N, C-alpha and C. Protein backbone atom coordinates (compact mmCIF):
# COMPACT_ATOMS: atom_id res chain seq x y z
N UNK A 1 58.06 -33.86 -7.25
CA UNK A 1 57.90 -33.15 -7.72
C UNK A 1 56.47 -32.65 -7.83
N UNK A 2 55.53 -33.64 -8.10
CA UNK A 2 54.14 -34.15 -8.09
C UNK A 2 53.49 -32.53 -7.32
N UNK A 3 53.81 -33.12 -5.98
CA UNK A 3 53.40 -32.39 -4.87
C UNK A 3 53.66 -31.05 -5.16
N UNK A 4 54.80 -29.88 -5.38
CA UNK A 4 55.00 -28.91 -5.53
C UNK A 4 54.32 -28.45 -7.01
N UNK A 5 53.93 -29.19 -7.75
CA UNK A 5 52.73 -28.52 -8.51
C UNK A 5 51.73 -28.34 -8.18
N UNK A 6 50.99 -29.35 -7.61
CA UNK A 6 49.75 -29.49 -6.79
C UNK A 6 49.76 -28.19 -6.05
N UNK A 7 50.57 -27.85 -4.88
CA UNK A 7 50.80 -27.22 -3.70
C UNK A 7 50.47 -25.69 -5.20
N UNK A 8 51.28 -25.79 -6.07
CA UNK A 8 51.19 -24.37 -7.08
C UNK A 8 49.86 -24.13 -7.06
N UNK A 9 49.25 -25.38 -8.05
CA UNK A 9 47.52 -25.18 -8.04
C UNK A 9 47.01 -24.87 -7.00
N UNK A 10 47.05 -25.58 -6.60
CA UNK A 10 45.90 -25.41 -4.75
C UNK A 10 46.25 -23.32 -4.68
N UNK A 11 47.16 -23.54 -4.66
CA UNK A 11 47.60 -21.67 -4.05
C UNK A 11 47.18 -20.88 -5.45
N UNK A 12 47.13 -21.01 -6.47
CA UNK A 12 46.50 -20.56 -7.92
C UNK A 12 44.78 -20.35 -7.57
N UNK A 13 44.07 -21.33 -7.81
CA UNK A 13 43.05 -21.84 -8.00
C UNK A 13 42.41 -20.75 -6.23
N UNK A 14 42.84 -20.95 -4.85
CA UNK A 14 42.57 -20.25 -4.22
C UNK A 14 43.00 -18.44 -4.28
N UNK A 15 44.32 -17.95 -5.12
CA UNK A 15 43.93 -16.76 -5.42
C UNK A 15 43.35 -16.51 -6.09
N UNK A 16 42.77 -17.04 -6.96
CA UNK A 16 41.68 -16.50 -8.40
C UNK A 16 40.43 -16.47 -7.47
N UNK A 17 39.78 -17.70 -6.31
CA UNK A 17 38.75 -17.43 -5.89
C UNK A 17 38.35 -16.55 -4.89
N UNK A 18 40.33 -15.91 -4.53
CA UNK A 18 39.61 -14.58 -3.22
C UNK A 18 39.90 -12.84 -3.77
N UNK A 19 40.69 -13.35 -5.14
CA UNK A 19 41.34 -11.63 -6.02
C UNK A 19 39.97 -11.59 -7.39
N UNK A 20 39.70 -12.85 -7.55
CA UNK A 20 39.00 -12.56 -8.89
C UNK A 20 37.64 -13.42 -9.17
N UNK A 21 36.74 -13.59 -8.15
CA UNK A 21 35.77 -14.00 -7.85
C UNK A 21 35.00 -14.22 -8.79
N UNK A 22 34.74 -13.42 -9.50
CA UNK A 22 33.37 -13.29 -10.69
C UNK A 22 34.41 -13.88 -12.20
N UNK A 23 35.26 -14.97 -11.97
CA UNK A 23 35.76 -15.21 -13.36
C UNK A 23 35.49 -16.37 -13.35
N UNK A 24 35.48 -16.99 -14.77
CA UNK A 24 35.10 -18.64 -15.31
C UNK A 24 36.41 -19.45 -14.99
N UNK A 25 36.32 -20.52 -14.37
CA UNK A 25 37.49 -21.22 -14.59
C UNK A 25 37.72 -22.32 -14.31
N UNK A 26 38.23 -23.56 -14.51
CA UNK A 26 38.19 -24.65 -14.14
C UNK A 26 39.40 -25.36 -14.53
N UNK A 27 39.61 -26.51 -13.15
CA UNK A 27 40.94 -27.43 -13.98
C UNK A 27 40.83 -28.42 -14.71
N UNK A 28 41.81 -28.98 -15.34
CA UNK A 28 41.88 -30.25 -16.52
C UNK A 28 42.22 -31.05 -15.00
N UNK A 29 41.25 -32.15 -15.21
CA UNK A 29 41.24 -33.27 -13.97
C UNK A 29 42.54 -34.03 -13.96
N UNK A 30 43.48 -34.35 -14.87
CA UNK A 30 44.70 -35.53 -15.41
C UNK A 30 45.12 -35.41 -14.06
N UNK A 31 45.93 -34.93 -12.80
CA UNK A 31 46.23 -35.27 -12.50
C UNK A 31 45.30 -35.72 -10.97
N UNK A 32 44.49 -35.75 -11.06
CA UNK A 32 43.47 -36.79 -10.53
C UNK A 32 43.13 -37.70 -10.81
N UNK A 33 43.54 -38.42 -11.84
CA UNK A 33 43.38 -39.31 -12.51
C UNK A 33 44.13 -40.73 -11.77
N UNK A 34 43.46 -41.04 -10.45
CA UNK A 34 44.70 -41.84 -10.19
C UNK A 34 45.12 -43.36 -10.12
N UNK A 35 44.08 -44.16 -11.03
CA UNK A 35 44.21 -45.21 -11.61
C UNK A 35 43.99 -45.48 -13.20
N UNK A 36 44.42 -46.88 -13.40
CA UNK A 36 44.27 -47.17 -14.95
C UNK A 36 42.27 -47.30 -15.27
N UNK A 37 41.73 -47.68 -14.29
CA UNK A 37 39.94 -47.78 -14.31
C UNK A 37 39.30 -46.32 -14.66
N UNK A 38 40.16 -45.64 -13.74
CA UNK A 38 39.57 -44.01 -13.50
C UNK A 38 39.85 -43.52 -14.83
N UNK A 39 41.48 -43.61 -15.50
CA UNK A 39 41.50 -42.84 -16.53
C UNK A 39 41.11 -43.17 -17.59
N UNK A 40 40.68 -44.87 -17.83
CA UNK A 40 39.53 -44.87 -18.76
C UNK A 40 38.42 -44.60 -18.63
N UNK A 41 38.00 -44.75 -17.34
CA UNK A 41 36.75 -44.22 -17.90
C UNK A 41 36.66 -42.92 -18.24
N UNK A 42 37.55 -41.76 -17.55
CA UNK A 42 38.04 -40.45 -18.14
C UNK A 42 38.18 -40.13 -19.40
N UNK A 43 38.71 -40.95 -20.08
CA UNK A 43 39.09 -40.77 -21.67
C UNK A 43 37.53 -41.49 -22.38
N UNK A 44 36.97 -41.85 -22.24
CA UNK A 44 35.65 -42.67 -22.36
C UNK A 44 34.54 -41.27 -22.74
N UNK A 45 34.74 -40.52 -21.38
CA UNK A 45 33.96 -39.71 -21.09
C UNK A 45 34.28 -38.03 -21.94
N UNK A 46 35.71 -38.46 -22.92
CA UNK A 46 36.20 -37.19 -23.49
C UNK A 46 37.21 -36.63 -22.94
N UNK A 47 37.90 -36.93 -21.82
CA UNK A 47 39.01 -36.59 -21.23
C UNK A 47 40.42 -36.54 -22.43
N UNK A 48 40.98 -35.87 -22.54
CA UNK A 48 42.25 -35.99 -23.46
C UNK A 48 44.26 -35.70 -22.92
N UNK A 49 44.54 -36.33 -22.31
CA UNK A 49 45.71 -35.67 -21.86
C UNK A 49 46.23 -35.29 -22.34
N UNK A 50 47.39 -34.35 -21.47
CA UNK A 50 48.30 -32.73 -22.10
C UNK A 50 47.57 -31.88 -22.19
N UNK A 51 45.92 -31.76 -21.57
CA UNK A 51 45.57 -30.52 -21.12
C UNK A 51 45.85 -29.66 -20.15
N UNK A 52 46.40 -28.20 -19.94
CA UNK A 52 46.88 -27.62 -19.72
C UNK A 52 45.85 -27.66 -18.09
N UNK A 53 46.57 -27.37 -16.83
CA UNK A 53 45.99 -27.44 -15.54
C UNK A 53 44.87 -26.64 -15.12
N UNK A 54 45.47 -25.31 -15.65
CA UNK A 54 44.32 -24.06 -15.62
C UNK A 54 43.20 -23.52 -16.84
N UNK A 55 42.61 -23.59 -16.57
CA UNK A 55 41.51 -22.91 -17.88
C UNK A 55 40.94 -21.99 -17.28
N UNK A 56 41.18 -20.60 -18.05
CA UNK A 56 40.47 -19.37 -17.58
C UNK A 56 39.24 -19.31 -18.94
N UNK A 57 38.08 -18.81 -18.51
CA UNK A 57 37.45 -18.92 -19.67
C UNK A 57 36.73 -17.03 -20.04
N UNK A 58 37.91 -16.27 -20.16
CA UNK A 58 37.58 -15.02 -20.11
C UNK A 58 38.63 -14.52 -21.01
N UNK A 59 37.80 -13.90 -21.93
CA UNK A 59 38.09 -13.71 -23.36
C UNK A 59 39.25 -12.07 -23.05
N UNK A 60 40.43 -12.23 -23.61
CA UNK A 60 41.10 -10.87 -23.28
C UNK A 60 41.92 -10.46 -24.75
N UNK A 61 42.07 -9.04 -24.95
CA UNK A 61 42.70 -8.58 -25.79
C UNK A 61 42.34 -9.66 -27.22
N UNK A 62 43.52 -10.15 -28.06
CA UNK A 62 42.93 -10.92 -28.97
C UNK A 62 42.80 -12.65 -28.59
N UNK A 63 43.14 -13.12 -27.73
CA UNK A 63 42.46 -14.39 -26.90
C UNK A 63 41.53 -14.60 -26.90
N UNK A 64 40.70 -16.09 -26.67
CA UNK A 64 39.83 -16.51 -26.37
C UNK A 64 39.49 -16.89 -24.70
N UNK A 65 40.92 -17.21 -24.55
CA UNK A 65 41.22 -17.69 -23.05
C UNK A 65 42.49 -18.09 -22.55
N UNK A 66 42.43 -18.34 -21.66
CA UNK A 66 43.99 -18.36 -20.82
C UNK A 66 44.00 -19.78 -20.51
N UNK A 67 44.88 -20.39 -20.85
CA UNK A 67 45.09 -21.96 -20.55
C UNK A 67 46.76 -22.11 -20.00
N UNK A 68 47.04 -22.57 -18.29
CA UNK A 68 48.44 -22.37 -17.81
C UNK A 68 48.87 -23.90 -17.31
N UNK A 69 49.58 -24.49 -18.12
CA UNK A 69 50.44 -25.77 -17.68
C UNK A 69 51.33 -25.52 -16.67
N UNK A 70 51.02 -25.74 -15.23
CA UNK A 70 51.99 -25.72 -14.03
C UNK A 70 52.67 -26.87 -13.85
N UNK A 71 54.43 -26.18 -13.48
CA UNK A 71 55.27 -27.46 -13.29
C UNK A 71 55.96 -26.66 -12.11
N UNK A 72 56.50 -27.69 -11.61
CA UNK A 72 57.31 -27.80 -10.44
C UNK A 72 58.69 -27.02 -11.82
N UNK A 73 59.56 -26.49 -10.39
CA UNK A 73 60.93 -25.20 -11.21
C UNK A 73 61.28 -26.16 -11.72
N UNK A 74 61.42 -27.73 -11.91
CA UNK A 74 62.79 -28.01 -12.72
C UNK A 74 61.73 -29.22 -13.61
N UNK A 75 60.34 -28.78 -13.61
CA UNK A 75 59.83 -29.65 -14.19
C UNK A 75 59.79 -30.13 -16.21
N UNK A 76 59.12 -30.83 -16.33
CA UNK A 76 59.29 -31.05 -17.62
C UNK A 76 57.99 -31.21 -18.39
N UNK A 77 58.34 -30.48 -19.54
CA UNK A 77 56.65 -30.79 -19.80
C UNK A 77 57.09 -31.44 -21.11
N UNK A 78 55.90 -32.41 -21.42
CA UNK A 78 55.78 -33.76 -22.36
C UNK A 78 55.62 -33.48 -23.45
N UNK A 79 55.67 -33.97 -24.53
CA UNK A 79 55.50 -33.80 -26.09
C UNK A 79 54.15 -33.64 -26.23
N UNK A 80 53.29 -34.29 -25.22
CA UNK A 80 51.73 -34.26 -25.25
C UNK A 80 51.42 -32.65 -25.03
N UNK A 81 51.62 -32.32 -23.77
CA UNK A 81 51.37 -31.25 -23.45
C UNK A 81 52.11 -30.01 -24.26
N UNK A 82 53.02 -30.04 -25.04
CA UNK A 82 53.69 -28.86 -26.18
C UNK A 82 53.08 -28.97 -27.22
N UNK A 83 52.09 -30.58 -27.66
CA UNK A 83 51.51 -30.16 -28.77
C UNK A 83 50.08 -29.49 -28.30
N UNK A 84 49.12 -29.82 -27.09
CA UNK A 84 48.17 -28.87 -26.62
C UNK A 84 48.17 -27.73 -26.80
N UNK A 85 49.95 -27.00 -26.10
CA UNK A 85 49.97 -25.79 -25.97
C UNK A 85 50.14 -24.72 -26.99
N UNK A 86 50.65 -25.99 -28.40
CA UNK A 86 50.93 -25.02 -29.67
C UNK A 86 49.70 -25.20 -30.22
N UNK A 87 49.00 -26.04 -30.20
CA UNK A 87 47.15 -25.79 -31.43
C UNK A 87 46.90 -24.85 -30.15
N UNK A 88 46.88 -24.96 -29.38
CA UNK A 88 45.48 -23.73 -28.38
C UNK A 88 46.50 -22.10 -29.03
N UNK A 89 47.55 -22.03 -28.82
CA UNK A 89 48.12 -21.00 -29.30
C UNK A 89 47.97 -20.70 -30.92
N UNK A 90 47.90 -21.73 -31.60
CA UNK A 90 47.55 -21.68 -33.15
C UNK A 90 45.64 -20.71 -33.10
N UNK A 91 45.44 -21.58 -31.89
CA UNK A 91 43.71 -21.27 -31.78
C UNK A 91 43.40 -19.94 -31.37
N UNK A 92 43.88 -18.88 -31.03
CA UNK A 92 44.46 -17.81 -30.42
C UNK A 92 43.75 -18.02 -28.94
N UNK A 93 44.06 -18.71 -28.23
CA UNK A 93 44.49 -19.05 -26.86
C UNK A 93 46.00 -18.74 -26.59
N UNK A 94 45.74 -17.75 -25.55
CA UNK A 94 46.93 -17.25 -24.82
C UNK A 94 47.49 -18.73 -23.74
N UNK A 95 48.29 -19.30 -24.11
CA UNK A 95 48.70 -21.06 -23.38
C UNK A 95 50.62 -20.75 -23.21
N UNK A 96 50.51 -21.35 -22.04
CA UNK A 96 51.53 -21.04 -21.32
C UNK A 96 51.83 -21.99 -20.28
N UNK A 97 53.83 -21.95 -19.85
CA UNK A 97 53.60 -23.07 -18.76
C UNK A 97 54.88 -22.13 -18.02
N UNK A 98 53.98 -22.40 -16.63
CA UNK A 98 54.46 -21.24 -15.41
C UNK A 98 55.56 -22.50 -14.74
N UNK A 99 56.28 -22.00 -14.04
CA UNK A 99 57.44 -22.94 -12.95
C UNK A 99 57.01 -22.73 -11.93
N UNK A 100 56.00 -21.68 -11.09
CA UNK A 100 55.81 -21.55 -9.39
C UNK A 100 54.88 -20.78 -9.55
N UNK A 101 54.51 -20.67 -8.50
CA UNK A 101 52.81 -19.61 -8.28
C UNK A 101 53.41 -18.78 -8.62
N UNK A 102 54.23 -17.83 -8.26
CA UNK A 102 54.54 -16.49 -8.86
C UNK A 102 54.37 -16.02 -9.91
N UNK A 103 54.85 -17.50 -10.98
CA UNK A 103 55.00 -16.71 -12.50
C UNK A 103 53.76 -16.62 -12.97
N UNK A 104 53.00 -17.79 -12.04
CA UNK A 104 51.26 -18.11 -12.86
C UNK A 104 50.93 -16.53 -12.15
N UNK A 105 50.64 -16.22 -11.25
CA UNK A 105 50.06 -14.81 -10.69
C UNK A 105 50.15 -13.95 -11.69
N UNK A 106 51.42 -13.91 -12.09
CA UNK A 106 52.02 -12.07 -13.44
C UNK A 106 51.52 -13.06 -13.99
N UNK A 107 51.12 -14.30 -14.97
CA UNK A 107 50.51 -14.53 -16.17
C UNK A 107 48.80 -13.73 -15.63
N UNK A 108 48.41 -14.29 -15.22
CA UNK A 108 47.26 -14.48 -15.17
C UNK A 108 46.93 -12.37 -14.87
N UNK A 109 47.74 -12.26 -14.03
CA UNK A 109 47.20 -10.62 -13.86
C UNK A 109 47.53 -9.89 -15.19
N UNK A 110 48.57 -10.13 -15.73
CA UNK A 110 48.82 -9.70 -16.83
C UNK A 110 47.66 -9.97 -18.32
N UNK A 111 47.20 -11.12 -17.88
CA UNK A 111 46.29 -11.14 -18.91
C UNK A 111 45.15 -11.03 -18.86
N UNK A 112 44.68 -11.04 -17.51
CA UNK A 112 43.67 -10.61 -16.86
C UNK A 112 43.17 -8.83 -16.98
N UNK A 113 44.38 -8.24 -17.25
CA UNK A 113 44.79 -6.50 -17.69
C UNK A 113 44.28 -6.50 -18.85
N UNK A 114 44.44 -7.37 -19.76
CA UNK A 114 44.32 -6.85 -21.00
C UNK A 114 42.59 -6.58 -21.16
N UNK A 115 42.52 -5.99 -22.60
CA UNK A 115 41.26 -5.17 -22.30
C UNK A 115 40.03 -6.46 -23.19
N UNK A 116 38.87 -6.29 -22.48
CA UNK A 116 38.32 -7.11 -23.07
C UNK A 116 37.79 -7.80 -24.36
N UNK A 117 38.15 -8.62 -24.50
CA UNK A 117 37.90 -9.45 -25.88
C UNK A 117 36.24 -8.65 -26.45
N UNK A 118 36.12 -8.34 -27.82
CA UNK A 118 35.10 -8.23 -28.07
C UNK A 118 34.29 -9.11 -29.00
């Protein structure tokens, strides 16, 4: 199942780079932390588990930015991830969970179509 999430994220990043080459974005490195040693070092450097997978630094509408948590079709959102999504939403970020590439593209397009935040 993790492979499906990574494939969707890979495809989404490629889509963004091709369709929206000028937007500012990054990923959360959570899926890359493969050992407890690397994870421990990342935590010391400021990494927090549960941060959504994709972060778009483009304010639109009433939102400061977009956060997308990618899951496989039957993926489960952890309590830590739910907490992050709720906190982000309460801080005027658009934060969503998408269960496949197509849903993520739709969310991204709709978000970027909003009037630029002033």
